[in-house]
């Protein structure tokens, strides 16, 4: 189900395009104010703030429908089932991910799922035989995920992510709200302070269905060609781009640069 029209939460003057034209300080001041206002609130309250606080602007939720995505989607569905949910289909995902996406959308009654893909013309020009990932994974991620998502986000002032502090060193100081300098959008991280046990407990208490690939040894799930099973004791993300100096697909940026796990920012 897809509804492309969502009522703006702010005046027409406060659009994503206008936000990106503002100097950094006003954006940072806005984010600092939001963090101060909601610092001690729950994840649900942060989602409500993102969707209803005029300072946040017009917000979408971006989901990979991966291993832990159901937690954020469930929380969001309890606040507003018509929240725009952007799902990037790279056309290289596991079949299980596509089925899981459909099942979760129905189970959680999400009314505004928007499937994002690179255009056929772009794929034909840049990856005609579908083998780009074999020799340039960064370019493949940019082609099939980063650029289509950034294009889809042009209509929004910000986006909600499932990022958490425990996931990597670059996320250790993650706040609920932050400025995405590269685009001038606000990024919202309702689960920033959650620990792994919080995620597991929430899924169990709410009887939320797990991604079927988790039971097969995939605690972190991306595109099929670039994701492998993880052995006991390995880092959960070690199965992503195994053997390469790459741990992020590139949809998260700091100062206009793709951030990889372990880098200092």
C-alpha atoms as a PDB file:
ATOM      1  CA  UNK A   1       0.000   0.000   0.000  1.00  0.00           C
ATOM      2  CA  UNK A   2       1.329   3.434  -0.869  1.00  0.00           C
ATOM      3  CA  UNK A   3       0.095   6.946  -0.282  1.00  0.00           C
ATOM      4  CA  UNK A   4       2.353   9.599  -1.692  1.00  0.00           C
ATOM      5  CA  UNK A   5       0.630  12.569  -0.092  1.00  0.00           C
ATOM      6  CA  UNK A   6       1.357  13.360   3.543  1.00  0.00           C
ATOM      7  CA  UNK A   7       0.182  16.578   5.183  1.00  0.00           C
ATOM      8  CA  UNK A   8       3.114  18.880   5.976  1.00  0.00           C
ATOM      9  CA  UNK A   9       3.843  19.382   9.656  1.00  0.00           C
ATOM     10  CA  UNK A  10       5.429  22.779   9.152  1.00  0.00           C
ATOM     11  CA  UNK A  11       4.924  25.848   7.022  1.00  0.00           C
ATOM     12  CA  UNK A  12       5.924  25.691   3.333  1.00  0.00           C
ATOM     13  CA  UNK A  13       8.899  27.887   4.153  1.00  0.00           C
ATOM     14  CA  UNK A  14      10.463  25.095   6.209  1.00  0.00           C
ATOM     15  CA  UNK A  15      11.124  22.618   3.396  1.00  0.00           C
ATOM     16  CA  UNK A  16      14.056  20.253   2.987  1.00  0.00           C
ATOM     17  CA  UNK A  17      15.434  22.464   0.228  1.00  0.00           C
ATOM     18  CA  UNK A  18      15.269  25.568   2.411  1.00  0.00           C
ATOM     19  CA  UNK A  19      16.764  23.730   5.374  1.00  0.00           C
ATOM     20  CA  UNK A  20      19.755  22.716   3.284  1.00  0.00           C
ATOM     21  CA  UNK A  21      20.328  26.383   2.405  1.00  0.00           C
ATOM     22  CA  UNK A  22      20.465  27.473   6.037  1.00  0.00           C
ATOM     23  CA  UNK A  23      23.865  27.993   7.661  1.00  0.00           C
ATOM     24  CA  UNK A  24      24.990  25.220  10.006  1.00  0.00           C
ATOM     25  CA  UNK A  25      24.458  27.134  13.253  1.00  0.00           C
ATOM     26  CA  UNK A  26      20.650  27.514  13.044  1.00  0.00           C
ATOM     27  CA  UNK A  27      20.310  23.821  12.227  1.00  0.00           C
ATOM     28  CA  UNK A  28      22.578  22.868  15.101  1.00  0.00           C
ATOM     29  CA  UNK A  29      20.617  25.151  17.411  1.00  0.00           C
ATOM     30  CA  UNK A  30      17.395  23.452  16.355  1.00  0.00           C
ATOM     31  CA  UNK A  31      18.859  19.997  16.987  1.00  0.00           C
ATOM     32  CA  UNK A  32      20.348  21.048  20.328  1.00  0.00           C
ATOM     33  CA  UNK A  33      16.946  22.343  21.399  1.00  0.00           C
ATOM     34  CA  UNK A  34      15.259  19.082  20.417  1.00  0.00           C
ATOM     35  CA  UNK A  35      17.865  17.019  22.280  1.00  0.00           C
ATOM     36  CA  UNK A  36      17.484  19.180  25.379  1.00  0.00           C
ATOM     37  CA  UNK A  37      13.702  18.940  25.238  1.00  0.00           C
ATOM     38  CA  UNK A  38      13.541  15.165  24.809  1.00  0.00           C
ATOM     39  CA  UNK A  39      16.784  14.047  26.456  1.00  0.00           C
ATOM     40  CA  UNK A  40      15.097  11.927  29.132  1.00  0.00           C
ATOM     41  CA  UNK A  41      12.168  10.722  27.053  1.00  0.00           C
ATOM     42  CA  UNK A  42      11.443   7.263  25.691  1.00  0.00           C
ATOM     43  CA  UNK A  43      11.962   6.072  22.123  1.00  0.00           C
ATOM     44  CA  UNK A  44       8.217   6.391  21.530  1.00  0.00           C
ATOM     45  CA  UNK A  45       8.259   9.997  22.744  1.00  0.00           C
ATOM     46  CA  UNK A  46      11.173  10.775  20.421  1.00  0.00           C
ATOM     47  CA  UNK A  47       9.251   9.353  17.460  1.00  0.00           C
ATOM     48  CA  UNK A  48       6.213  11.412  18.452  1.00  0.00           C
ATOM     49  CA  UNK A  49       8.431  14.483  18.673  1.00  0.00           C
ATOM     50  CA  UNK A  50       9.900  13.805  15.245  1.00  0.00           C
ATOM     51  CA  UNK A  51       6.452  13.524  13.693  1.00  0.00           C
ATOM     52  CA  UNK A  52       4.626  16.275  15.596  1.00  0.00           C
ATOM     53  CA  UNK A  53       7.114  18.856  16.877  1.00  0.00           C
ATOM     54  CA  UNK A  54       7.205  21.806  14.435  1.00  0.00           C
ATOM     55  CA  UNK A  55      10.942  22.128  14.993  1.00  0.00           C
ATOM     56  CA  UNK A  56      11.538  18.689  13.492  1.00  0.00           C
ATOM     57  CA  UNK A  57       9.843  19.343  10.170  1.00  0.00           C
ATOM     58  CA  UNK A  58       8.542  16.702   7.800  1.00  0.00           C
ATOM     59  CA  UNK A  59      10.002  13.282   8.646  1.00  0.00           C
ATOM     60  CA  UNK A  60      10.203   9.859   6.987  1.00  0.00           C
ATOM     61  CA  UNK A  61      11.327   6.564   8.509  1.00  0.00           C
ATOM     62  CA  UNK A  62      13.996   4.643   6.592  1.00  0.00           C
ATOM     63  CA  UNK A  63      14.034   0.885   7.143  1.00  0.00           C
ATOM     64  CA  UNK A  64      16.032  -1.980   5.672  1.00  0.00           C
ATOM     65  CA  UNK A  65      13.567  -4.502   7.127  1.00  0.00           C
ATOM     66  CA  UNK A  66      16.638  -6.242   8.466  1.00  0.00           C
ATOM     67  CA  UNK A  67      17.415  -8.228  11.603  1.00  0.00           C
ATOM     68  CA  UNK A  68      16.304  -5.614  14.178  1.00  0.00           C
ATOM     69  CA  UNK A  69      14.111  -3.371  12.011  1.00  0.00           C
ATOM     70  CA  UNK A  70      10.851  -4.685  13.447  1.00  0.00           C
ATOM     71  CA  UNK A  71      11.477  -2.890  16.762  1.00  0.00           C
ATOM     72  CA  UNK A  72      11.572   0.600  15.270  1.00  0.00           C
ATOM     73  CA  UNK A  73       8.734  -0.192  12.858  1.00  0.00           C
ATOM     74  CA  UNK A  74       6.553  -1.468  15.694  1.00  0.00           C
ATOM     75  CA  UNK A  75       7.227   1.627  17.808  1.00  0.00           C
ATOM     76  CA  UNK A  76       6.469   3.908  14.865  1.00  0.00           C
ATOM     77  CA  UNK A  77       3.277   2.040  13.972  1.00  0.00           C
ATOM     78  CA  UNK A  78       1.912   2.732  17.456  1.00  0.00           C
ATOM     79  CA  UNK A  79       2.466   6.464  16.941  1.00  0.00           C
ATOM     80  CA  UNK A  80       1.286   6.853  13.337  1.00  0.00           C
ATOM     81  CA  UNK A  81       0.570   4.017  10.909  1.00  0.00           C
ATOM     82  CA  UNK A  82       0.641   6.487   8.030  1.00  0.00           C
ATOM     83  CA  UNK A  83       4.251   7.495   8.628  1.00  0.00           C
ATOM     84  CA  UNK A  84       6.195   7.431   5.334  1.00  0.00           C
ATOM     85  CA  UNK A  85       8.408   4.321   5.467  1.00  0.00           C
ATOM     86  CA  UNK A  86      11.126   4.309   2.817  1.00  0.00           C
ATOM     87  CA  UNK A  87      12.428   0.861   1.880  1.00  0.00           C
ATOM     88  CA  UNK A  88      15.325   0.705  -0.571  1.00  0.00           C
ATOM     89  CA  UNK A  89      15.073  -2.370  -2.765  1.00  0.00           C
ATOM     90  CA  UNK A  90      18.537  -2.764  -4.253  1.00  0.00           C
ATOM     91  CA  UNK A  91      17.226  -5.656  -6.364  1.00  0.00           C
ATOM     92  CA  UNK A  92      19.981  -7.744  -4.795  1.00  0.00           C
ATOM     93  CA  UNK A  93      18.276  -8.435  -1.473  1.00  0.00           C
ATOM     94  CA  UNK A  94      17.529 -11.886  -0.105  1.00  0.00           C
ATOM     95  CA  UNK A  95      14.116 -13.166  -1.168  1.00  0.00           C
ATOM     96  CA  UNK A  96      13.422 -13.625   2.544  1.00  0.00           C
ATOM     97  CA  UNK A  97      13.860  -9.877   3.101  1.00  0.00           C
ATOM     98  CA  UNK A  98      11.271  -9.024   0.450  1.00  0.00           C
ATOM     99  CA  UNK A  99       8.764 -11.471   1.941  1.00  0.00           C
ATOM    100  CA  UNK A 100       9.512 -10.216   5.460  1.00  0.00           C
ATOM    101  CA  UNK A 101       8.926  -6.628   4.338  1.00  0.00           C
ATOM    102  CA  UNK A 102       5.476  -7.473   3.024  1.00  0.00           C
ATOM    103  CA  UNK A 103       4.556  -9.514   6.087  1.00  0.00           C
ATOM    104  CA  UNK A 104       5.628  -6.776   8.530  1.00  0.00           C
ATOM    105  CA  UNK A 105       3.783  -4.082   6.591  1.00  0.00           C
ATOM    106  CA  UNK A 106       0.581  -6.109   6.857  1.00  0.00           C
ATOM    107  CA  UNK A 107       1.070  -7.181  10.465  1.00  0.00           C
ATOM    108  CA  UNK A 108       1.869  -3.660  11.693  1.00  0.00           C
ATOM    109  CA  UNK A 109      -0.770  -2.063   9.427  1.00  0.00           C
ATOM    110  CA  UNK A 110       1.765   0.334   7.938  1.00  0.00           C
ATOM    111  CA  UNK A 111      -0.144   2.377   5.384  1.00  0.00           C
ATOM    112  CA  UNK A 112       2.610   4.318   3.614  1.00  0.00           C
ATOM    113  CA  UNK A 113       5.392   1.979   2.517  1.00  0.00           C
ATOM    114  CA  UNK A 114       7.370   3.526  -0.327  1.00  0.00           C
ATOM    115  CA  UNK A 115       9.624   1.182  -2.306  1.00  0.00           C
ATOM    116  CA  UNK A 116      12.730   2.999  -3.538  1.00  0.00           C
ATOM    117  CA  UNK A 117      14.858   1.677  -6.419  1.00  0.00           C
ATOM    118  CA  UNK A 118      17.458   2.933  -8.854  1.00  0.00           C
ATOM    119  CA  UNK A 119      15.951   3.549 -12.271  1.00  0.00           C
ATOM    120  CA  UNK A 120      16.292   0.933 -14.993  1.00  0.00           C
ATOM    121  CA  UNK A 121      18.129   3.473 -17.150  1.00  0.00           C
ATOM    122  CA  UNK A 122      20.669   4.200 -14.422  1.00  0.00           C
ATOM    123  CA  UNK A 123      21.280   0.509 -13.744  1.00  0.00           C
ATOM    124  CA  UNK A 124      21.690  -0.157 -17.462  1.00  0.00           C
ATOM    125  CA  UNK A 125      24.240   2.630 -17.750  1.00  0.00           C
ATOM    126  CA  UNK A 126      26.294   1.884 -14.633  1.00  0.00           C
ATOM    127  CA  UNK A 127      25.825  -1.825 -13.935  1.00  0.00           C
ATOM    128  CA  UNK A 128      24.500  -3.418 -17.127  1.00  0.00           C
ATOM    129  CA  UNK A 129      25.486  -6.978 -16.237  1.00  0.00           C
ATOM    130  CA  UNK A 130      24.821  -6.750 -12.486  1.00  0.00           C
ATOM    131  CA  UNK A 131      28.431  -7.459 -11.520  1.00  0.00           C
ATOM    132  CA  UNK A 132      29.519  -4.059 -10.175  1.00  0.00           C
ATOM    133  CA  UNK A 133      29.479  -5.422  -6.608  1.00  0.00           C
ATOM    134  CA  UNK A 134      32.201  -7.928  -7.530  1.00  0.00           C
ATOM    135  CA  UNK A 135      34.869  -5.277  -8.123  1.00  0.00           C
ATOM    136  CA  UNK A 136      33.586  -2.007  -6.592  1.00  0.00           C
ATOM    137  CA  UNK A 137      31.232  -2.449  -3.659  1.00  0.00           C
ATOM    138  CA  UNK A 138      31.263   1.254  -2.748  1.00  0.00           C
ATOM    139  CA  UNK A 139      30.050   2.223  -6.222  1.00  0.00           C
ATOM    140  CA  UNK A 140      27.430  -0.525  -6.145  1.00  0.00           C
ATOM    141  CA  UNK A 141      26.078   0.681  -2.785  1.00  0.00           C
ATOM    142  CA  UNK A 142      26.012   4.255  -4.069  1.00  0.00           C
ATOM    143  CA  UNK A 143      24.205   3.228  -7.246  1.00  0.00           C
ATOM    144  CA  UNK A 144      21.624   0.919  -5.744  1.00  0.00           C
ATOM    145  CA  UNK A 145      21.081   2.367  -2.264  1.00  0.00           C
ATOM    146  CA  UNK A 146      22.645   5.705  -1.336  1.00  0.00           C
ATOM    147  CA  UNK A 147      21.672   7.770  -4.367  1.00  0.00           C
ATOM    148  CA  UNK A 148      18.093   6.436  -4.670  1.00  0.00           C
ATOM    149  CA  UNK A 149      17.539   7.075  -0.966  1.00  0.00           C
ATOM    150  CA  UNK A 150      18.961  10.597  -1.067  1.00  0.00           C
ATOM    151  CA  UNK A 151      16.689  11.361  -4.010  1.00  0.00           C
ATOM    152  CA  UNK A 152      13.649  10.048  -2.121  1.00  0.00           C
ATOM    153  CA  UNK A 153      14.573  12.090   0.965  1.00  0.00           C
ATOM    154  CA  UNK A 154      14.529  15.386  -0.935  1.00  0.00           C
ATOM    155  CA  UNK A 155      10.873  15.815   0.023  1.00  0.00           C
ATOM    156  CA  UNK A 156      11.632  15.551   3.743  1.00  0.00           C
ATOM    157  CA  UNK A 157      13.313  17.700   6.384  1.00  0.00           C
ATOM    158  CA  UNK A 158      14.688  14.644   8.163  1.00  0.00           C
ATOM    159  CA  UNK A 159      14.540  10.907   8.640  1.00  0.00           C
ATOM    160  CA  UNK A 160      14.240   8.347  11.416  1.00  0.00           C
ATOM    161  CA  UNK A 161      16.917   5.646  11.642  1.00  0.00           C
ATOM    162  CA  UNK A 162      17.414   2.531  13.757  1.00  0.00           C
ATOM    163  CA  UNK A 163      21.022   3.368  14.664  1.00  0.00           C
ATOM    164  CA  UNK A 164      22.219   2.615  18.197  1.00  0.00           C
ATOM    165  CA  UNK A 165      25.262   3.618  20.232  1.00  0.00           C
ATOM    166  CA  UNK A 166      26.415   0.050  20.815  1.00  0.00           C
ATOM    167  CA  UNK A 167      26.767  -0.702  17.105  1.00  0.00           C
ATOM    168  CA  UNK A 168      30.161   0.927  16.563  1.00  0.00           C
ATOM    169  CA  UNK A 169      32.696   3.391  17.879  1.00  0.00           C
ATOM    170  CA  UNK A 170      31.492   6.093  15.500  1.00  0.00           C
ATOM    171  CA  UNK A 171      28.039   5.849  17.090  1.00  0.00           C
ATOM    172  CA  UNK A 172      29.139   5.832  20.740  1.00  0.00           C
ATOM    173  CA  UNK A 173      27.999   9.429  21.343  1.00  0.00           C
ATOM    174  CA  UNK A 174      24.869   9.240  19.204  1.00  0.00           C
ATOM    175  CA  UNK A 175      22.044  11.592  20.251  1.00  0.00           C
ATOM    176  CA  UNK A 176      18.326  11.359  19.555  1.00  0.00           C
ATOM    177  CA  UNK A 177      18.576  14.217  17.061  1.00  0.00           C
ATOM    178  CA  UNK A 178      21.532  15.233  14.907  1.00  0.00           C
ATOM    179  CA  UNK A 179      22.311  17.343  11.860  1.00  0.00           C
ATOM    180  CA  UNK A 180      23.248  15.559   8.672  1.00  0.00           C
ATOM    181  CA  UNK A 181      25.739  18.141   7.432  1.00  0.00           C
ATOM    182  CA  UNK A 182      25.990  16.715   3.943  1.00  0.00           C
ATOM    183  CA  UNK A 183      22.284  17.214   3.219  1.00  0.00           C
ATOM    184  CA  UNK A 184      21.069  19.739   5.782  1.00  0.00           C
ATOM    185  CA  UNK A 185      18.478  17.317   7.129  1.00  0.00           C
ATOM    186  CA  UNK A 186      17.730  16.276  10.681  1.00  0.00           C
ATOM    187  CA  UNK A 187      18.438  12.659  11.524  1.00  0.00           C
ATOM    188  CA  UNK A 188      16.420  11.067  14.338  1.00  0.00           C
ATOM    189  CA  UNK A 189      17.724   8.072  16.309  1.00  0.00           C
ATOM    190  CA  UNK A 190      14.996   6.932  18.758  1.00  0.00           C
ATOM    191  CA  UNK A 191      16.909   3.764  19.717  1.00  0.00           C
ATOM    192  CA  UNK A 192      20.246   5.520  20.280  1.00  0.00           C
ATOM    193  CA  UNK A 193      20.461   4.502  23.945  1.00  0.00           C
ATOM    194  CA  UNK A 194      19.137   0.949  23.591  1.00  0.00           C
ATOM    195  CA  UNK A 195      21.430  -1.987  24.421  1.00  0.00           C
ATOM    196  CA  UNK A 196      21.323  -5.361  22.616  1.00  0.00           C
ATOM    197  CA  UNK A 197      19.372  -6.873  25.498  1.00  0.00           C
ATOM    198  CA  UNK A 198      16.782  -4.091  25.218  1.00  0.00           C
ATOM    199  CA  UNK A 199      16.203  -4.980  21.567  1.00  0.00           C
ATOM    200  CA  UNK A 200      15.862  -8.696  22.340  1.00  0.00           C
ATOM    201  CA  UNK A 201      13.544  -8.087  25.294  1.00  0.00           C
ATOM    202  CA  UNK A 202      11.296  -5.765  23.294  1.00  0.00           C
ATOM    203  CA  UNK A 203      10.947  -8.282  20.481  1.00  0.00           C
ATOM    204  CA  UNK A 204      10.137 -11.085  22.914  1.00  0.00           C
ATOM    205  CA  UNK A 205       7.704  -9.085  25.038  1.00  0.00           C
ATOM    206  CA  UNK A 206       5.789  -7.922  21.980  1.00  0.00           C
ATOM    207  CA  UNK A 207       6.080 -11.271  20.172  1.00  0.00           C
ATOM    208  CA  UNK A 208       7.508  -9.637  17.099  1.00  0.00           C
ATOM    209  CA  UNK A 209       8.562 -11.888  14.215  1.00  0.00           C
ATOM    210  CA  UNK A 210      12.266 -12.148  13.518  1.00  0.00           C
ATOM    211  CA  UNK A 211      13.787 -11.914  10.086  1.00  0.00           C
ATOM    212  CA  UNK A 212      14.007 -15.551   8.880  1.00  0.00           C
ATOM    213  CA  UNK A 213      17.698 -15.150   7.986  1.00  0.00           C
ATOM    214  CA  UNK A 214      18.640 -14.565  11.656  1.00  0.00           C
ATOM    215  CA  UNK A 215      17.974 -18.213  12.468  1.00  0.00           C
ATOM    216  CA  UNK A 216      20.314 -19.145   9.605  1.00  0.00           C
ATOM    217  CA  UNK A 217      23.258 -17.288  11.142  1.00  0.00           C
ATOM    218  CA  UNK A 218      22.777 -13.805   9.703  1.00  0.00           C
ATOM    219  CA  UNK A 219      22.582 -11.270  12.588  1.00  0.00           C
ATOM    220  CA  UNK A 220      23.159  -8.379  10.151  1.00  0.00           C
ATOM    221  CA  UNK A 221      21.465  -8.586   6.779  1.00  0.00           C
ATOM    222  CA  UNK A 222      22.156  -6.661   3.602  1.00  0.00           C
ATOM    223  CA  UNK A 223      22.310  -7.612  -0.051  1.00  0.00           C
ATOM    224  CA  UNK A 224      22.664 -11.315  -0.774  1.00  0.00           C
ATOM    225  CA  UNK A 225      25.980 -11.170  -2.705  1.00  0.00           C
ATOM    226  CA  UNK A 226      27.700  -9.180   0.055  1.00  0.00           C
ATOM    227  CA  UNK A 227      26.306 -10.864   3.184  1.00  0.00           C
ATOM    228  CA  UNK A 228      27.560 -14.128   4.680  1.00  0.00           C
ATOM    229  CA  UNK A 229      26.740 -16.123   7.838  1.00  0.00           C
ATOM    230  CA  UNK A 230      28.457 -15.159  11.089  1.00  0.00           C
ATOM    231  CA  UNK A 231      30.127 -17.754  13.300  1.00  0.00           C
ATOM    232  CA  UNK A 232      29.633 -17.854  17.063  1.00  0.00           C
ATOM    233  CA  UNK A 233      31.852 -15.273  18.742  1.00  0.00           C
ATOM    234  CA  UNK A 234      32.284 -13.131  15.648  1.00  0.00           C
ATOM    235  CA  UNK A 235      31.193  -9.511  15.497  1.00  0.00           C
ATOM    236  CA  UNK A 236      27.552  -9.403  14.308  1.00  0.00           C
ATOM    237  CA  UNK A 237      28.524  -7.242  11.329  1.00  0.00           C
ATOM    238  CA  UNK A 238      31.493  -9.373  10.284  1.00  0.00           C
ATOM    239  CA  UNK A 239      29.339 -11.043   7.646  1.00  0.00           C
ATOM    240  CA  UNK A 240      28.842  -7.787   5.771  1.00  0.00           C
ATOM    241  CA  UNK A 241      31.379  -7.328   2.943  1.00  0.00           C
ATOM    242  CA  UNK A 242      33.519 -10.054   4.499  1.00  0.00           C
ATOM    243  CA  UNK A 243      37.208  -9.699   3.719  1.00  0.00           C
ATOM    244  CA  UNK A 244      36.895  -6.063   2.673  1.00  0.00           C
ATOM    245  CA  UNK A 245      37.758  -2.802   4.406  1.00  0.00           C
ATOM    246  CA  UNK A 246      34.095  -1.826   4.420  1.00  0.00           C
ATOM    247  CA  UNK A 247      31.448  -1.965   7.120  1.00  0.00           C
ATOM    248  CA  UNK A 248      28.901   0.654   6.043  1.00  0.00           C
ATOM    249  CA  UNK A 249      26.820   0.910   2.880  1.00  0.00           C
ATOM    250  CA  UNK A 250      27.194   4.684   2.799  1.00  0.00           C
ATOM    251  CA  UNK A 251      23.741   6.011   3.687  1.00  0.00           C
ATOM    252  CA  UNK A 252      25.114   7.644   6.856  1.00  0.00           C
ATOM    253  CA  UNK A 253      27.483  10.560   6.446  1.00  0.00           C
ATOM    254  CA  UNK A 254      29.499  12.899   8.672  1.00  0.00           C
ATOM    255  CA  UNK A 255      30.797  16.116   7.125  1.00  0.00           C
ATOM    256  CA  UNK A 256      29.852  14.857   3.695  1.00  0.00           C
ATOM    257  CA  UNK A 257      31.867  11.659   3.953  1.00  0.00           C
ATOM    258  CA  UNK A 258      30.732   8.067   4.288  1.00  0.00           C
ATOM    259  CA  UNK A 259      31.439   6.853   7.807  1.00  0.00           C
ATOM    260  CA  UNK A 260      32.879   3.414   8.306  1.00  0.00           C
ATOM    261  CA  UNK A 261      32.856   1.589  11.605  1.00  0.00           C
ATOM    262  CA  UNK A 262      35.928   2.330  13.696  1.00  0.00           C
ATOM    263  CA  UNK A 263      36.742   5.670  12.069  1.00  0.00           C
ATOM    264  CA  UNK A 264      37.164   8.708  14.260  1.00  0.00           C
ATOM    265  CA  UNK A 265      34.905  11.647  13.475  1.00  0.00           C
END
